[in-house]
């Protein structure tokens, strides 16, 4: 029987690529939408998906003119679930908005609108820019140390890194592209959208396969 992984989401039409990528890795997706649940009972892992901007109040900032209307109900549900997963040492894969929430949950801050937004918000572009994993990180053990192309559609990014977190990849303009929490079975966050490129792109497929191995361990 396939292990069950919760996927957080708000809009039904955004769910399918995440669910398909999990199924390709041999996992059973379980949708989790606001306002709850606030527990991972009966689940074996957590995927934090992309979506709208986090409420800047969560990291002590005033809203930027380009920041989207907050979805505090979703923010709070995902923070609860992430903390539950970390407490239980359940594997976590966080994507785009999910990576930003991952960072904020550990006390980090965000850039609310990138100066290089034209590089990072390229909707519909398969290979938007290059990233490079940091040697010795979990991410590098999955995708290797060489640069590889990613898709990208965000306008916010990590400003200050959360406590205990390690920056595991950057873009050429130094924007943080991945984070991880050492000492856990699997706690990896990426800024791009690997779910869109499974199984066509090897690094993204490897990422979901590594997550599945951790869930099944």
N, C-alpha and C. Protein backbone atom coordinates (compact mmCIF):
# COMPACT_ATOMS: atom_id res chain seq x y z
N UNK A 1 0.86 -1.20 0.00
CA UNK A 1 0.00 0.00 0.00
C UNK A 1 0.89 1.25 0.00
N UNK A 2 0.57 2.20 -0.85
CA UNK A 2 1.38 3.42 -0.97
C UNK A 2 1.28 4.27 0.29
N UNK A 3 2.39 4.86 0.65
CA UNK A 3 2.41 5.81 1.77
C UNK A 3 1.64 7.07 1.39
N UNK A 4 1.04 7.68 2.40
CA UNK A 4 0.14 8.81 2.17
C UNK A 4 0.84 10.13 2.54
N UNK A 5 0.82 11.09 1.61
CA UNK A 5 1.47 12.39 1.81
C UNK A 5 0.43 13.49 1.67
N UNK A 6 0.36 14.37 2.66
CA UNK A 6 -0.53 15.51 2.59
C UNK A 6 0.01 16.59 1.68
N UNK A 7 -0.87 17.16 0.83
CA UNK A 7 -0.53 18.31 -0.02
C UNK A 7 -1.39 19.48 0.41
N UNK A 8 -0.76 20.56 0.84
CA UNK A 8 -1.52 21.77 1.16
C UNK A 8 -1.82 22.54 -0.12
N UNK A 9 -3.01 23.14 -0.17
CA UNK A 9 -3.38 23.91 -1.37
C UNK A 9 -4.58 24.79 -1.03
N UNK A 10 -4.86 25.75 -1.91
CA UNK A 10 -6.05 26.58 -1.79
C UNK A 10 -6.99 26.38 -2.98
N UNK A 11 -6.46 26.41 -4.20
CA UNK A 11 -7.30 26.34 -5.40
C UNK A 11 -7.26 24.94 -5.99
N UNK A 12 -8.43 24.38 -6.26
CA UNK A 12 -8.51 23.03 -6.80
C UNK A 12 -7.71 22.86 -8.08
N UNK A 13 -7.72 23.88 -8.95
CA UNK A 13 -7.06 23.75 -10.25
C UNK A 13 -5.53 23.73 -10.15
N UNK A 14 -5.00 24.07 -8.99
CA UNK A 14 -3.55 24.06 -8.82
C UNK A 14 -3.02 22.74 -8.27
N UNK A 15 -3.91 21.86 -7.86
CA UNK A 15 -3.53 20.66 -7.13
C UNK A 15 -2.93 19.57 -8.02
N UNK A 16 -3.43 19.44 -9.25
CA UNK A 16 -3.13 18.28 -10.09
C UNK A 16 -1.64 18.00 -10.31
N UNK A 17 -0.80 19.00 -10.64
CA UNK A 17 0.61 18.67 -10.90
C UNK A 17 1.34 18.09 -9.69
N UNK A 18 1.03 18.59 -8.50
CA UNK A 18 1.65 18.06 -7.28
C UNK A 18 1.22 16.62 -7.05
N UNK A 19 -0.08 16.37 -7.20
CA UNK A 19 -0.60 15.01 -7.01
C UNK A 19 0.02 14.04 -8.01
N UNK A 20 0.14 14.48 -9.27
CA UNK A 20 0.70 13.61 -10.31
C UNK A 20 2.17 13.30 -10.02
N UNK A 21 2.93 14.28 -9.56
CA UNK A 21 4.35 14.05 -9.26
C UNK A 21 4.51 13.08 -8.10
N UNK A 22 3.65 13.20 -7.09
CA UNK A 22 3.70 12.26 -5.97
C UNK A 22 3.35 10.85 -6.43
N UNK A 23 2.32 10.72 -7.24
CA UNK A 23 1.93 9.40 -7.73
C UNK A 23 3.04 8.77 -8.58
N UNK A 24 3.71 9.61 -9.37
CA UNK A 24 4.82 9.10 -10.19
C UNK A 24 5.93 8.53 -9.31
N UNK A 25 6.08 9.09 -8.11
CA UNK A 25 7.10 8.62 -7.16
C UNK A 25 6.57 7.48 -6.28
N UNK A 26 5.35 7.04 -6.53
CA UNK A 26 4.80 5.92 -5.78
C UNK A 26 4.11 6.27 -4.48
N UNK A 27 3.73 7.53 -4.33
CA UNK A 27 3.08 8.00 -3.11
C UNK A 27 1.62 8.33 -3.37
N UNK A 28 0.81 8.25 -2.32
CA UNK A 28 -0.61 8.58 -2.43
C UNK A 28 -0.84 10.01 -1.94
N UNK A 29 -1.29 10.93 -2.80
CA UNK A 29 -1.54 12.31 -2.35
C UNK A 29 -2.84 12.42 -1.56
N UNK A 30 -2.78 13.23 -0.50
CA UNK A 30 -3.96 13.50 0.33
C UNK A 30 -4.13 15.02 0.41
N UNK A 31 -5.11 15.60 -0.28
CA UNK A 31 -5.28 17.06 -0.28
C UNK A 31 -5.64 17.61 1.10
N UNK A 32 -5.01 18.74 1.45
CA UNK A 32 -5.27 19.42 2.73
C UNK A 32 -5.51 20.90 2.43
N UNK A 33 -6.73 21.36 2.60
CA UNK A 33 -7.06 22.75 2.29
C UNK A 33 -7.52 23.49 3.55
N UNK A 34 -7.36 24.82 3.56
CA UNK A 34 -7.80 25.62 4.71
C UNK A 34 -9.30 25.50 4.92
N UNK A 35 -9.73 25.58 6.18
CA UNK A 35 -9.01 26.04 7.37
C UNK A 35 -8.24 24.96 8.12
N UNK A 36 -8.37 23.71 7.75
CA UNK A 36 -7.70 22.65 8.48
C UNK A 36 -7.65 21.41 7.62
N UNK A 37 -7.04 20.34 8.11
CA UNK A 37 -6.74 20.04 9.51
C UNK A 37 -5.44 20.69 10.00
N UNK A 38 -5.22 20.57 11.30
CA UNK A 38 -4.01 21.07 11.92
C UNK A 38 -3.20 19.92 12.51
N UNK A 39 -3.33 18.75 11.91
CA UNK A 39 -2.59 17.57 12.36
C UNK A 39 -2.32 16.69 11.16
N UNK A 40 -1.23 15.92 11.24
CA UNK A 40 -0.87 14.98 10.18
C UNK A 40 -1.15 13.55 10.59
N UNK A 41 -2.06 13.34 11.53
CA UNK A 41 -2.42 11.98 11.94
C UNK A 41 -2.81 11.14 10.73
N UNK A 42 -2.23 9.97 10.61
CA UNK A 42 -2.53 9.07 9.51
C UNK A 42 -1.77 9.33 8.23
N UNK A 43 -0.89 10.33 8.24
CA UNK A 43 -0.09 10.66 7.05
C UNK A 43 1.38 10.36 7.31
N UNK A 44 2.13 10.20 6.22
CA UNK A 44 3.53 9.79 6.30
C UNK A 44 4.50 10.86 5.84
N UNK A 45 4.00 11.99 5.34
CA UNK A 45 4.85 13.08 4.86
C UNK A 45 3.99 14.28 4.53
N UNK A 46 4.66 15.41 4.21
CA UNK A 46 3.98 16.67 3.93
C UNK A 46 4.63 17.36 2.75
N UNK A 47 3.79 17.81 1.81
CA UNK A 47 4.23 18.65 0.70
C UNK A 47 3.53 20.00 0.83
N UNK A 48 4.32 21.06 0.98
CA UNK A 48 3.80 22.43 1.01
C UNK A 48 3.88 22.99 -0.40
N UNK A 49 2.75 23.34 -0.98
CA UNK A 49 2.71 23.73 -2.39
C UNK A 49 2.86 25.24 -2.57
N UNK A 50 2.87 25.66 -3.84
CA UNK A 50 2.95 27.07 -4.19
C UNK A 50 1.62 27.78 -3.99
N UNK A 51 1.63 29.09 -4.22
CA UNK A 51 0.41 29.88 -4.06
C UNK A 51 0.70 31.34 -3.82
N UNK A 52 -0.22 32.00 -3.16
CA UNK A 52 -0.13 33.44 -2.94
C UNK A 52 0.91 33.79 -1.88
N UNK A 53 1.22 35.09 -1.82
CA UNK A 53 2.23 35.58 -0.87
C UNK A 53 1.80 35.38 0.58
N UNK A 54 2.78 35.15 1.43
CA UNK A 54 2.53 35.07 2.88
C UNK A 54 2.18 36.46 3.42
N UNK A 55 1.45 36.45 4.54
CA UNK A 55 1.16 37.69 5.24
C UNK A 55 2.46 38.26 5.80
N UNK A 56 2.87 39.47 5.39
CA UNK A 56 4.13 40.03 5.90
C UNK A 56 4.17 40.19 7.42
N UNK A 57 3.01 40.26 8.05
CA UNK A 57 2.97 40.35 9.50
C UNK A 57 3.63 39.15 10.17
N UNK A 58 3.65 38.02 9.48
CA UNK A 58 4.26 36.81 10.05
C UNK A 58 5.76 36.96 10.23
N UNK A 59 6.40 37.84 9.45
CA UNK A 59 7.83 38.06 9.62
C UNK A 59 8.14 39.52 9.96
N UNK A 60 7.14 40.20 10.53
CA UNK A 60 7.36 41.53 11.11
C UNK A 60 7.57 42.63 10.11
N UNK A 61 6.90 42.53 8.94
CA UNK A 61 7.07 43.54 7.89
C UNK A 61 5.74 44.16 7.54
N UNK A 62 5.81 45.36 6.96
CA UNK A 62 4.63 46.01 6.39
C UNK A 62 4.47 45.56 4.94
N UNK A 63 3.26 45.46 4.43
CA UNK A 63 3.07 45.01 3.05
C UNK A 63 3.70 45.95 2.03
N UNK A 64 4.37 45.37 1.06
CA UNK A 64 4.88 46.09 -0.10
C UNK A 64 3.72 46.32 -1.07
N UNK A 65 3.84 47.33 -1.91
CA UNK A 65 2.78 47.62 -2.88
C UNK A 65 2.52 46.44 -3.82
N UNK A 66 3.53 45.61 -4.08
CA UNK A 66 3.39 44.47 -4.99
C UNK A 66 2.97 43.18 -4.29
N UNK A 67 2.86 43.21 -2.97
CA UNK A 67 2.51 42.00 -2.23
C UNK A 67 1.02 41.71 -2.33
N UNK A 68 0.69 40.45 -2.57
CA UNK A 68 -0.69 40.04 -2.76
C UNK A 68 -1.48 40.06 -1.44
N UNK A 69 -2.78 40.10 -1.58
CA UNK A 69 -3.66 40.05 -0.40
C UNK A 69 -3.38 38.75 0.36
N UNK A 70 -3.14 38.84 1.66
CA UNK A 70 -2.77 37.63 2.41
C UNK A 70 -3.92 36.64 2.56
N UNK A 71 -3.56 35.39 2.66
CA UNK A 71 -4.49 34.30 2.95
C UNK A 71 -4.09 33.75 4.31
N UNK A 72 -4.44 34.48 5.36
CA UNK A 72 -3.97 34.14 6.70
C UNK A 72 -4.49 32.76 7.15
N UNK A 73 -5.67 32.39 6.69
CA UNK A 73 -6.21 31.08 7.04
C UNK A 73 -5.29 29.96 6.54
N UNK A 74 -4.83 30.10 5.30
CA UNK A 74 -3.90 29.11 4.76
C UNK A 74 -2.54 29.19 5.46
N UNK A 75 -2.05 30.41 5.67
CA UNK A 75 -0.76 30.57 6.36
C UNK A 75 -0.76 29.81 7.68
N UNK A 76 -1.81 30.00 8.46
CA UNK A 76 -1.86 29.41 9.80
C UNK A 76 -1.98 27.89 9.74
N UNK A 77 -2.78 27.38 8.79
CA UNK A 77 -2.89 25.93 8.65
C UNK A 77 -1.54 25.32 8.31
N UNK A 78 -0.83 25.93 7.35
CA UNK A 78 0.44 25.36 6.91
C UNK A 78 1.51 25.46 7.99
N UNK A 79 1.52 26.53 8.75
CA UNK A 79 2.47 26.64 9.86
C UNK A 79 2.23 25.54 10.89
N UNK A 80 0.98 25.29 11.21
CA UNK A 80 0.63 24.20 12.13
C UNK A 80 1.13 22.87 11.59
N UNK A 81 0.83 22.59 10.33
CA UNK A 81 1.20 21.31 9.74
C UNK A 81 2.71 21.14 9.63
N UNK A 82 3.42 22.20 9.25
CA UNK A 82 4.87 22.12 9.17
C UNK A 82 5.47 21.83 10.54
N UNK A 83 5.01 22.52 11.55
CA UNK A 83 5.54 22.28 12.90
C UNK A 83 5.22 20.86 13.36
N UNK A 84 4.03 20.37 13.02
CA UNK A 84 3.66 19.00 13.36
C UNK A 84 4.59 18.01 12.66
N UNK A 85 4.87 18.25 11.39
CA UNK A 85 5.77 17.36 10.64
C UNK A 85 7.18 17.37 11.21
N UNK A 86 7.69 18.54 11.54
CA UNK A 86 9.04 18.63 12.10
C UNK A 86 9.09 17.94 13.46
N UNK A 87 8.08 18.14 14.29
CA UNK A 87 8.04 17.49 15.61
C UNK A 87 8.04 15.98 15.49
N UNK A 88 7.36 15.45 14.48
CA UNK A 88 7.26 14.01 14.28
C UNK A 88 8.40 13.46 13.43
N UNK A 89 9.24 14.33 12.89
CA UNK A 89 10.29 13.97 11.93
C UNK A 89 9.70 13.26 10.72
N UNK A 90 8.58 13.78 10.22
CA UNK A 90 8.02 13.31 8.96
C UNK A 90 8.72 14.05 7.81
N UNK A 91 8.97 13.39 6.70
CA UNK A 91 9.60 14.07 5.56
C UNK A 91 8.75 15.23 5.04
N UNK A 92 9.44 16.33 4.71
CA UNK A 92 8.79 17.54 4.21
C UNK A 92 9.46 17.96 2.90
N UNK A 93 8.64 18.25 1.90
CA UNK A 93 9.10 18.87 0.66
C UNK A 93 8.28 20.15 0.49
N UNK A 94 8.95 21.29 0.45
CA UNK A 94 8.28 22.59 0.34
C UNK A 94 8.64 23.24 -0.98
N UNK A 95 7.63 23.77 -1.67
CA UNK A 95 7.80 24.28 -3.03
C UNK A 95 7.30 25.72 -3.14
N UNK A 96 8.15 26.62 -3.65
CA UNK A 96 7.83 28.02 -3.94
C UNK A 96 7.29 28.75 -2.70
N UNK A 97 6.00 29.09 -2.67
CA UNK A 97 5.42 29.65 -1.46
C UNK A 97 5.76 28.77 -0.25
N UNK A 98 5.74 27.45 -0.48
CA UNK A 98 6.06 26.52 0.61
C UNK A 98 7.45 26.74 1.16
N UNK A 99 8.43 27.06 0.30
CA UNK A 99 9.77 27.34 0.79
C UNK A 99 9.79 28.63 1.59
N UNK A 100 9.06 29.62 1.15
CA UNK A 100 9.01 30.88 1.89
C UNK A 100 8.37 30.69 3.25
N UNK A 101 7.31 29.88 3.33
CA UNK A 101 6.71 29.58 4.62
C UNK A 101 7.67 28.79 5.50
N UNK A 102 8.38 27.85 4.90
CA UNK A 102 9.39 27.06 5.60
C UNK A 102 10.41 27.99 6.26
N UNK A 103 10.87 28.99 5.51
CA UNK A 103 11.83 29.95 6.03
C UNK A 103 11.25 30.79 7.16
N UNK A 104 10.04 31.30 6.95
CA UNK A 104 9.39 32.15 7.96
C UNK A 104 9.11 31.36 9.23
N UNK A 105 8.75 30.09 9.11
CA UNK A 105 8.46 29.26 10.28
C UNK A 105 9.66 29.15 11.22
N UNK A 106 10.87 29.30 10.66
CA UNK A 106 12.08 29.22 11.47
C UNK A 106 12.66 30.61 11.78
N UNK A 107 11.83 31.64 11.61
CA UNK A 107 12.25 32.97 12.00
C UNK A 107 12.90 33.79 10.91
N UNK A 108 12.87 33.32 9.67
CA UNK A 108 13.47 34.07 8.58
C UNK A 108 12.54 35.13 8.01
N UNK A 109 13.09 35.99 7.17
CA UNK A 109 12.32 37.06 6.54
C UNK A 109 12.34 36.92 5.03
N UNK A 110 11.50 37.72 4.37
CA UNK A 110 11.37 37.64 2.92
C UNK A 110 11.60 38.98 2.25
N UNK A 111 12.14 38.94 1.03
CA UNK A 111 12.12 40.07 0.11
C UNK A 111 10.74 40.05 -0.52
N UNK A 112 9.99 41.15 -0.38
CA UNK A 112 8.61 41.13 -0.86
C UNK A 112 8.48 41.35 -2.37
N UNK A 113 9.49 41.93 -2.99
CA UNK A 113 9.45 42.08 -4.45
C UNK A 113 10.89 42.20 -4.95
N UNK A 114 11.33 41.21 -5.70
CA UNK A 114 12.71 41.14 -6.16
C UNK A 114 13.05 42.23 -7.17
N UNK A 115 14.26 42.75 -7.07
CA UNK A 115 14.74 43.69 -8.09
C UNK A 115 14.94 42.98 -9.43
N UNK A 116 15.24 41.68 -9.37
CA UNK A 116 15.45 40.89 -10.58
C UNK A 116 14.21 40.05 -10.89
N UNK A 117 13.04 40.62 -10.67
CA UNK A 117 11.80 39.86 -10.82
C UNK A 117 11.62 39.31 -12.23
N UNK A 118 12.14 40.00 -13.24
CA UNK A 118 11.98 39.53 -14.62
C UNK A 118 12.70 38.21 -14.85
N UNK A 119 13.73 37.93 -14.06
CA UNK A 119 14.43 36.64 -14.15
C UNK A 119 13.63 35.53 -13.48
N UNK A 120 12.98 35.87 -12.39
CA UNK A 120 12.38 34.84 -11.53
C UNK A 120 10.88 34.64 -11.74
N UNK A 121 10.22 35.57 -12.37
CA UNK A 121 8.79 35.38 -12.65
C UNK A 121 8.62 35.22 -14.16
N UNK A 122 8.80 33.99 -14.61
CA UNK A 122 8.69 33.66 -16.04
C UNK A 122 7.69 32.51 -16.19
N UNK A 123 6.44 32.86 -16.09
CA UNK A 123 5.38 31.84 -16.16
C UNK A 123 5.38 31.18 -17.55
N UNK A 124 5.27 29.87 -17.55
CA UNK A 124 5.20 29.13 -18.80
C UNK A 124 6.53 28.82 -19.44
N UNK A 125 7.62 29.28 -18.84
CA UNK A 125 8.96 29.03 -19.38
C UNK A 125 9.55 27.81 -18.69
N UNK A 126 9.94 26.82 -19.45
CA UNK A 126 10.43 25.57 -18.87
C UNK A 126 11.79 25.75 -18.21
N UNK A 127 12.70 26.46 -18.87
CA UNK A 127 14.05 26.69 -18.35
C UNK A 127 14.27 28.18 -18.17
N UNK A 128 13.86 28.72 -17.03
CA UNK A 128 13.89 30.17 -16.80
C UNK A 128 15.30 30.67 -16.46
N UNK A 129 16.00 29.94 -15.62
CA UNK A 129 17.35 30.35 -15.22
C UNK A 129 18.06 29.15 -14.60
N UNK A 130 19.34 29.33 -14.30
CA UNK A 130 20.15 28.25 -13.74
C UNK A 130 20.22 28.36 -12.22
N UNK A 131 20.37 27.21 -11.57
CA UNK A 131 20.65 27.18 -10.14
C UNK A 131 21.81 26.21 -9.91
N UNK A 132 22.43 26.36 -8.74
CA UNK A 132 23.53 25.46 -8.39
C UNK A 132 23.39 25.05 -6.94
N UNK A 133 23.36 23.75 -6.70
CA UNK A 133 23.27 23.23 -5.34
C UNK A 133 24.61 23.38 -4.63
N UNK A 134 24.58 23.67 -3.34
CA UNK A 134 25.80 23.83 -2.55
C UNK A 134 26.39 22.46 -2.23
N UNK A 135 27.70 22.28 -2.43
CA UNK A 135 28.32 20.99 -2.14
C UNK A 135 28.09 20.56 -0.69
N UNK A 136 27.90 19.28 -0.49
CA UNK A 136 27.72 18.74 0.85
C UNK A 136 26.31 18.80 1.40
N UNK A 137 25.38 19.37 0.65
CA UNK A 137 24.00 19.46 1.11
C UNK A 137 23.20 18.24 0.67
N UNK A 138 22.05 18.06 1.30
CA UNK A 138 21.14 16.99 0.89
C UNK A 138 20.73 17.19 -0.56
N UNK A 139 20.43 18.44 -0.93
CA UNK A 139 20.02 18.70 -2.31
C UNK A 139 21.10 18.30 -3.30
N UNK A 140 22.35 18.63 -3.00
CA UNK A 140 23.45 18.26 -3.91
C UNK A 140 23.58 16.75 -4.03
N UNK A 141 23.30 16.02 -2.96
CA UNK A 141 23.37 14.55 -3.02
C UNK A 141 22.29 13.99 -3.93
N UNK A 142 21.24 14.77 -4.17
CA UNK A 142 20.13 14.33 -5.02
C UNK A 142 20.34 14.75 -6.47
N UNK A 143 20.68 16.02 -6.68
CA UNK A 143 20.74 16.56 -8.05
C UNK A 143 22.16 16.76 -8.56
N UNK A 144 23.16 16.61 -7.69
CA UNK A 144 24.55 16.82 -8.09
C UNK A 144 24.99 18.26 -7.88
N UNK A 145 26.28 18.50 -8.09
CA UNK A 145 26.87 19.83 -7.86
C UNK A 145 26.84 20.73 -9.09
N UNK A 146 26.52 20.20 -10.25
CA UNK A 146 26.54 20.99 -11.47
C UNK A 146 25.32 21.90 -11.56
N UNK A 147 25.48 23.01 -12.27
CA UNK A 147 24.34 23.89 -12.51
C UNK A 147 23.28 23.17 -13.34
N UNK A 148 22.02 23.53 -13.09
CA UNK A 148 20.94 22.99 -13.92
C UNK A 148 19.84 24.04 -14.03
N UNK A 149 19.06 23.93 -15.09
CA UNK A 149 18.00 24.90 -15.35
C UNK A 149 16.74 24.54 -14.58
N UNK A 150 16.02 25.58 -14.15
CA UNK A 150 14.74 25.40 -13.46
C UNK A 150 13.70 26.32 -14.08
N UNK A 151 12.44 25.98 -13.86
CA UNK A 151 11.35 26.91 -14.16
C UNK A 151 11.20 27.87 -12.97
N UNK A 152 10.44 28.94 -13.13
CA UNK A 152 10.40 29.94 -12.06
C UNK A 152 9.24 30.90 -12.28
N UNK A 153 8.46 31.13 -11.20
CA UNK A 153 7.36 32.09 -11.33
C UNK A 153 7.05 32.81 -10.02
N UNK A 154 8.12 33.20 -9.31
CA UNK A 154 7.93 33.90 -8.03
C UNK A 154 8.44 35.33 -8.12
N UNK A 155 7.94 36.19 -7.25
CA UNK A 155 8.45 37.57 -7.19
C UNK A 155 8.99 37.89 -5.80
N UNK A 156 8.82 36.96 -4.86
CA UNK A 156 9.38 37.12 -3.52
C UNK A 156 10.45 36.06 -3.31
N UNK A 157 11.27 36.26 -2.27
CA UNK A 157 12.37 35.33 -2.02
C UNK A 157 12.85 35.48 -0.58
N UNK A 158 13.75 34.59 -0.20
CA UNK A 158 14.34 34.64 1.13
C UNK A 158 15.21 35.89 1.27
N UNK A 159 15.01 36.61 2.37
CA UNK A 159 15.88 37.74 2.71
C UNK A 159 16.87 37.29 3.78
N UNK A 160 16.38 37.04 4.99
CA UNK A 160 17.21 36.48 6.06
C UNK A 160 16.82 35.02 6.25
N UNK A 161 17.83 34.17 6.41
CA UNK A 161 17.59 32.73 6.52
C UNK A 161 17.14 32.37 7.93
N UNK A 162 16.12 31.51 8.02
CA UNK A 162 15.61 31.07 9.31
C UNK A 162 16.65 30.32 10.12
N UNK A 163 16.51 30.37 11.43
CA UNK A 163 17.43 29.68 12.33
C UNK A 163 17.44 28.18 12.04
N UNK A 164 18.61 27.60 12.07
CA UNK A 164 18.88 26.18 11.85
C UNK A 164 18.86 25.79 10.37
N UNK A 165 18.34 26.64 9.50
CA UNK A 165 18.23 26.28 8.09
C UNK A 165 19.55 26.52 7.36
N UNK A 166 19.78 25.72 6.33
CA UNK A 166 20.97 25.83 5.48
C UNK A 166 20.52 26.20 4.07
N UNK A 167 21.19 27.19 3.48
CA UNK A 167 20.94 27.53 2.08
C UNK A 167 21.62 26.47 1.22
N UNK A 168 20.83 25.74 0.43
CA UNK A 168 21.40 24.62 -0.33
C UNK A 168 21.45 24.86 -1.83
N UNK A 169 20.94 26.01 -2.30
CA UNK A 169 21.11 26.38 -3.72
C UNK A 169 20.84 27.86 -3.89
N UNK A 170 21.49 28.43 -4.89
CA UNK A 170 21.28 29.83 -5.27
C UNK A 170 21.23 29.94 -6.79
N UNK A 171 20.61 31.01 -7.25
CA UNK A 171 20.67 31.39 -8.66
C UNK A 171 21.91 32.25 -8.89
N UNK A 172 22.19 32.59 -10.14
CA UNK A 172 23.37 33.39 -10.47
C UNK A 172 23.33 34.77 -9.82
N UNK A 173 22.12 35.32 -9.61
CA UNK A 173 22.01 36.64 -8.97
C UNK A 173 21.98 36.55 -7.44
N UNK A 174 22.32 35.37 -6.90
CA UNK A 174 22.45 35.10 -5.45
C UNK A 174 21.10 34.91 -4.75
N UNK A 175 19.99 34.95 -5.48
CA UNK A 175 18.71 34.65 -4.86
C UNK A 175 18.72 33.21 -4.36
N UNK A 176 18.24 33.03 -3.12
CA UNK A 176 18.19 31.69 -2.52
C UNK A 176 17.16 30.84 -3.26
N UNK A 177 17.59 29.67 -3.72
CA UNK A 177 16.73 28.78 -4.49
C UNK A 177 16.36 27.50 -3.76
N UNK A 178 17.03 27.22 -2.64
CA UNK A 178 16.70 26.04 -1.86
C UNK A 178 17.20 26.19 -0.43
N UNK A 179 16.45 25.58 0.48
CA UNK A 179 16.79 25.52 1.89
C UNK A 179 16.62 24.09 2.37
N UNK A 180 17.31 23.76 3.45
CA UNK A 180 17.07 22.47 4.10
C UNK A 180 17.35 22.56 5.59
N UNK A 181 16.74 21.67 6.32
CA UNK A 181 16.90 21.59 7.77
C UNK A 181 17.72 20.34 8.07
N UNK A 182 18.96 20.51 8.51
CA UNK A 182 19.81 19.35 8.80
C UNK A 182 19.25 18.53 9.97
N UNK A 183 19.66 17.27 10.01
CA UNK A 183 19.33 16.41 11.13
C UNK A 183 17.94 15.81 11.09
N UNK A 184 17.24 15.95 9.97
CA UNK A 184 15.91 15.36 9.83
C UNK A 184 15.94 14.31 8.71
N UNK A 185 14.94 13.45 8.69
CA UNK A 185 14.87 12.42 7.64
C UNK A 185 14.88 13.05 6.26
N UNK A 186 14.10 14.11 6.08
CA UNK A 186 14.07 14.85 4.82
C UNK A 186 13.29 16.13 5.09
N UNK A 187 13.96 17.26 4.98
CA UNK A 187 13.31 18.56 5.13
C UNK A 187 13.97 19.51 4.14
N UNK A 188 13.44 19.50 2.91
CA UNK A 188 14.03 20.22 1.78
C UNK A 188 12.99 21.15 1.18
N UNK A 189 13.41 22.36 0.87
CA UNK A 189 12.52 23.36 0.27
C UNK A 189 13.19 23.95 -0.97
N UNK A 190 12.41 24.10 -2.05
CA UNK A 190 12.94 24.67 -3.29
C UNK A 190 12.04 25.79 -3.77
N UNK A 191 12.63 26.77 -4.45
CA UNK A 191 11.89 27.95 -4.88
C UNK A 191 11.23 27.75 -6.24
N UNK A 192 11.72 26.82 -7.03
CA UNK A 192 11.13 26.58 -8.35
C UNK A 192 9.98 25.57 -8.23
N UNK A 193 9.47 25.10 -9.37
CA UNK A 193 8.30 24.21 -9.38
C UNK A 193 8.66 22.86 -10.02
N UNK A 194 9.30 21.97 -9.27
CA UNK A 194 9.71 20.68 -9.82
C UNK A 194 8.53 19.81 -10.24
N UNK A 195 7.38 20.00 -9.59
CA UNK A 195 6.21 19.17 -9.92
C UNK A 195 5.80 19.30 -11.38
N UNK A 196 6.08 20.46 -11.99
CA UNK A 196 5.70 20.69 -13.37
C UNK A 196 6.57 19.93 -14.37
N UNK A 197 7.73 19.43 -13.91
CA UNK A 197 8.70 18.86 -14.85
C UNK A 197 9.02 17.40 -14.53
N UNK A 198 8.14 16.74 -13.79
CA UNK A 198 8.25 15.30 -13.54
C UNK A 198 7.34 14.59 -14.53
N UNK A 199 7.83 13.60 -15.28
CA UNK A 199 9.18 13.00 -15.23
C UNK A 199 10.13 13.50 -16.32
N UNK A 200 9.85 14.61 -16.96
CA UNK A 200 10.64 15.00 -18.13
C UNK A 200 12.04 15.50 -17.79
N UNK A 201 12.23 16.07 -16.59
CA UNK A 201 13.52 16.63 -16.21
C UNK A 201 14.13 15.81 -15.07
N UNK A 202 15.35 15.34 -15.26
CA UNK A 202 15.96 14.43 -14.31
C UNK A 202 16.14 15.01 -12.91
N UNK A 203 16.65 16.25 -12.73
CA UNK A 203 16.82 16.76 -11.36
C UNK A 203 15.50 16.81 -10.58
N UNK A 204 14.42 17.23 -11.24
CA UNK A 204 13.14 17.33 -10.55
C UNK A 204 12.57 15.96 -10.23
N UNK A 205 12.74 15.03 -11.15
CA UNK A 205 12.29 13.65 -10.89
C UNK A 205 13.07 13.04 -9.74
N UNK A 206 14.38 13.26 -9.71
CA UNK A 206 15.21 12.76 -8.60
C UNK A 206 14.76 13.34 -7.26
N UNK A 207 14.37 14.61 -7.27
CA UNK A 207 13.93 15.25 -6.02
C UNK A 207 12.70 14.54 -5.45
N UNK A 208 11.72 14.29 -6.30
CA UNK A 208 10.52 13.59 -5.82
C UNK A 208 10.83 12.15 -5.44
N UNK A 209 11.73 11.51 -6.16
CA UNK A 209 12.12 10.14 -5.80
C UNK A 209 12.83 10.09 -4.45
N UNK A 210 13.68 11.09 -4.18
CA UNK A 210 14.37 11.14 -2.89
C UNK A 210 13.38 11.39 -1.76
N UNK A 211 12.42 12.25 -2.00
CA UNK A 211 11.35 12.48 -1.01
C UNK A 211 10.60 11.18 -0.76
N UNK A 212 10.27 10.44 -1.81
CA UNK A 212 9.56 9.17 -1.65
C UNK A 212 10.37 8.16 -0.85
N UNK A 213 11.67 8.10 -1.10
CA UNK A 213 12.52 7.17 -0.34
C UNK A 213 12.48 7.51 1.15
N UNK A 214 12.52 8.80 1.46
CA UNK A 214 12.46 9.21 2.86
C UNK A 214 11.11 8.85 3.49
N UNK A 215 10.04 9.08 2.74
CA UNK A 215 8.70 8.74 3.25
C UNK A 215 8.59 7.24 3.50
N UNK A 216 9.19 6.45 2.63
CA UNK A 216 9.09 5.00 2.74
C UNK A 216 10.11 4.37 3.70
N UNK A 217 11.04 5.17 4.18
CA UNK A 217 12.10 4.64 5.05
C UNK A 217 11.55 4.18 6.40
